Amino acid sequence: MASSGRKKTDGKSQITDNRRARFDYHIEEVFEAGIMLVGTEVKALREGKANIAESYVSFEGDALTLINANFPIFAPASQFNHEPTRPRKLLLNKREIEKLSNAINRKGRTIVPLKLYFNKRGLVKLEIAISTGKKIHDKRETAKNRDWKRDQSRLMRERG
């Protein structure tokens, strides 16, 4: 599993990460959701190819849907392949869905996908979060802190 270029943390085998989300949003509360997938999508994910950077989560009726996530075509499947950017239903229990619904009804809140991974049992899971958008000055502060930490670790390496 780990030989296909995925990181293993806490028994989870990470497929992809939405690093831009942590830069653009203040993360408030994190949830783990299952995803309804077809076989060729899972096989493409096992190859470690997916992109959730441009995706977002929205309500369609009473269900949450992952929109614009790119799970590339699985070449050996030929004519039985899936559509790469089709909407995918997220699987959460009713209490979690209700909590997410109430949260995004408040001003300025949204649901963003953070991480896509295989759990210990080999099931595909998506980490989503309730978040608020950062202002420009917040983003500058985040970049400044990141640069300082990088410089700080470089200085510590140089000095021993």
Protein backbone atom coordinates (compact mmCIF):
# COMPACT_ATOMS: atom_id res chain seq x y z
CA MET A 1 0.00 0.00 0.00
CA ALA A 2 2.66 2.54 1.02
CA SER A 3 4.73 1.75 -2.08
CA SER A 4 2.28 3.61 -4.35
CA GLY A 5 3.46 7.02 -3.11
CA ARG A 6 0.88 7.53 -0.36
CA LYS A 7 1.73 8.71 3.15
CA LYS A 8 0.71 6.49 6.06
CA THR A 9 -0.38 8.22 9.26
CA ASP A 10 -2.34 6.66 12.15
CA GLY A 11 -3.22 3.59 10.05
CA LYS A 12 -4.60 5.88 7.35
CA SER A 13 -3.13 5.82 3.88
CA GLN A 14 -3.45 9.35 2.49
CA ILE A 15 -4.40 9.72 -1.16
CA THR A 16 -4.50 13.50 -1.52
CA ASP A 17 -4.58 16.64 0.58
CA ASN A 18 -6.19 20.05 0.02
CA ARG A 19 -3.37 22.28 1.28
CA ARG A 20 -4.99 25.39 -0.15
CA ALA A 21 -8.02 24.97 2.15
CA ARG A 22 -5.93 25.50 5.29
CA PHE A 23 -4.48 28.67 3.75
CA ASP A 24 -7.81 30.12 2.58
CA TYR A 25 -10.05 29.13 5.52
CA HIS A 26 -10.15 29.09 9.33
CA ILE A 27 -10.93 25.45 10.12
CA GLU A 28 -13.50 25.17 12.93
CA GLU A 29 -14.72 21.57 13.17
CA VAL A 30 -13.62 18.47 11.27
CA PHE A 31 -15.77 15.49 10.22
CA GLU A 32 -14.99 12.16 8.56
CA ALA A 33 -17.33 11.19 5.73
CA GLY A 34 -17.59 8.13 3.54
CA ILE A 35 -18.06 8.51 -0.23
CA MET A 36 -20.24 6.57 -2.65
CA LEU A 37 -17.87 5.42 -5.40
CA VAL A 38 -17.91 3.02 -8.34
CA GLY A 39 -15.26 0.32 -8.77
CA THR A 40 -13.08 2.12 -11.30
CA GLU A 41 -12.91 5.19 -9.05
CA VAL A 42 -11.56 3.10 -6.18
CA LYS A 43 -8.99 1.51 -8.49
CA ALA A 44 -7.87 4.95 -9.69
CA LEU A 45 -7.56 6.07 -6.06
CA ARG A 46 -5.46 2.99 -5.23
CA GLU A 47 -3.01 4.25 -7.85
CA GLY A 48 -2.82 7.45 -5.78
CA LYS A 49 -4.24 9.74 -8.44
CA ALA A 50 -6.86 12.24 -7.31
CA ASN A 51 -7.32 15.98 -6.91
CA ILE A 52 -9.64 17.68 -4.42
CA ALA A 53 -8.00 21.12 -4.54
CA GLU A 54 -10.71 22.65 -6.74
CA SER A 55 -13.60 20.78 -5.13
CA TYR A 56 -16.26 21.84 -2.67
CA VAL A 57 -19.10 20.31 -0.66
CA SER A 58 -22.73 21.38 -1.02
CA PHE A 59 -26.21 20.20 -0.07
CA GLU A 60 -28.39 18.59 -2.73
CA GLY A 61 -31.70 17.93 -1.05
CA ASP A 62 -30.98 16.29 2.30
CA ALA A 63 -27.62 14.84 1.25
CA LEU A 64 -24.12 16.27 1.08
CA THR A 65 -22.36 16.07 -2.28
CA LEU A 66 -18.70 16.42 -3.22
CA ILE A 67 -18.57 18.49 -6.40
CA ASN A 68 -15.72 18.97 -8.88
CA ALA A 69 -13.33 16.43 -7.31
CA ASN A 70 -11.17 14.88 -10.02
CA PHE A 71 -10.68 11.11 -9.81
CA PRO A 72 -8.88 10.36 -13.11
CA ILE A 73 -9.93 7.63 -15.51
CA PHE A 74 -8.67 4.10 -14.75
CA ALA A 75 -7.08 3.13 -18.07
CA PRO A 76 -7.51 -0.70 -17.96
CA ALA A 77 -11.30 -0.33 -17.52
CA SER A 78 -11.70 1.10 -21.07
CA GLN A 79 -15.44 1.48 -21.85
CA PHE A 80 -16.64 0.76 -18.30
CA ASN A 81 -14.96 3.84 -16.84
CA HIS A 82 -16.41 6.58 -14.65
CA GLU A 83 -16.78 10.29 -15.34
CA PRO A 84 -13.73 11.97 -13.66
CA THR A 85 -15.50 15.01 -12.13
CA ARG A 86 -18.98 13.67 -11.46
CA PRO A 87 -20.75 14.70 -8.21
CA ARG A 88 -20.25 12.11 -5.44
CA LYS A 89 -22.61 11.61 -2.50
CA LEU A 90 -21.04 11.84 0.97
CA LEU A 91 -22.10 9.42 3.69
CA LEU A 92 -22.66 10.84 7.18
CA ASN A 93 -25.17 10.09 9.90
CA LYS A 94 -28.27 12.29 10.32
CA ARG A 95 -26.95 14.17 13.37
CA GLU A 96 -23.76 15.14 11.54
CA ILE A 97 -25.69 16.25 8.45
CA GLU A 98 -28.02 18.35 10.61
CA LYS A 99 -25.06 19.92 12.42
CA LEU A 100 -23.38 20.78 9.08
CA SER A 101 -26.64 22.19 7.71
CA ASN A 102 -27.13 24.45 10.74
CA ALA A 103 -23.49 25.58 10.57
CA ILE A 104 -23.55 26.69 6.94
CA ASN A 105 -26.83 28.53 7.39
CA ARG A 106 -24.91 30.96 9.57
CA LYS A 107 -23.24 33.80 7.68
CA GLY A 108 -19.81 33.20 6.19
CA ARG A 109 -19.56 29.47 6.92
CA THR A 110 -18.81 26.81 4.33
CA ILE A 111 -17.84 23.14 4.15
CA VAL A 112 -14.46 22.40 2.59
CA PRO A 113 -12.83 19.03 1.80
CA LEU A 114 -9.44 18.70 3.51
CA LYS A 115 -8.08 15.21 2.95
CA LEU A 116 -8.89 12.03 1.04
CA TYR A 117 -7.56 8.74 2.43
CA PHE A 118 -8.05 5.01 2.95
CA ASN A 119 -8.84 4.14 6.57
CA LYS A 120 -7.52 1.07 8.44
CA ARG A 121 -10.21 -1.13 6.89
CA GLY A 122 -9.37 0.04 3.35
CA LEU A 123 -12.46 2.23 2.92
CA VAL A 124 -12.18 5.60 1.19
CA LYS A 125 -12.89 8.47 3.58
CA LEU A 126 -13.02 12.23 3.09
CA GLU A 127 -12.15 14.65 5.86
CA ILE A 128 -14.38 17.72 5.63
CA ALA A 129 -14.51 20.80 7.84
CA ILE A 130 -16.83 23.62 8.79
CA SER A 131 -14.84 26.76 8.07
CA THR A 132 -14.94 30.50 7.54
CA GLY A 133 -13.02 32.34 4.87
CA LYS A 134 -9.87 34.21 5.84
CA LYS A 135 -9.43 37.88 5.09
CA ILE A 136 -6.38 39.06 3.12
CA HIS A 137 -4.55 40.21 6.25
CA ASP A 138 -5.11 36.77 7.83
CA LYS A 139 -3.60 35.09 4.78
CA ARG A 140 -0.58 37.42 4.97
CA GLU A 141 -0.15 36.53 8.64
CA THR A 142 -0.32 32.81 7.82
CA ALA A 143 2.31 33.21 5.08
CA LYS A 144 4.53 35.24 7.41
CA ASN A 145 4.34 32.59 10.15
CA ARG A 146 5.05 29.80 7.65
CA ASP A 147 8.10 31.65 6.28
CA TRP A 148 9.39 32.36 9.79
CA LYS A 149 9.08 28.70 10.82
CA ARG A 150 10.94 27.64 7.68
CA ASP A 151 13.73 30.18 8.35
CA GLN A 152 13.83 29.17 12.00
CA SER A 153 14.31 25.49 11.19
CA ARG A 154 16.98 26.38 8.61
CA LEU A 155 18.87 28.46 11.20
CA MET A 156 18.65 25.64 13.76
CA ARG A 157 20.06 23.16 11.23
CA GLU A 158 22.96 25.48 10.37
CA ARG A 159 23.92 26.12 13.99
CA GLY A 160 23.61 22.53 15.09
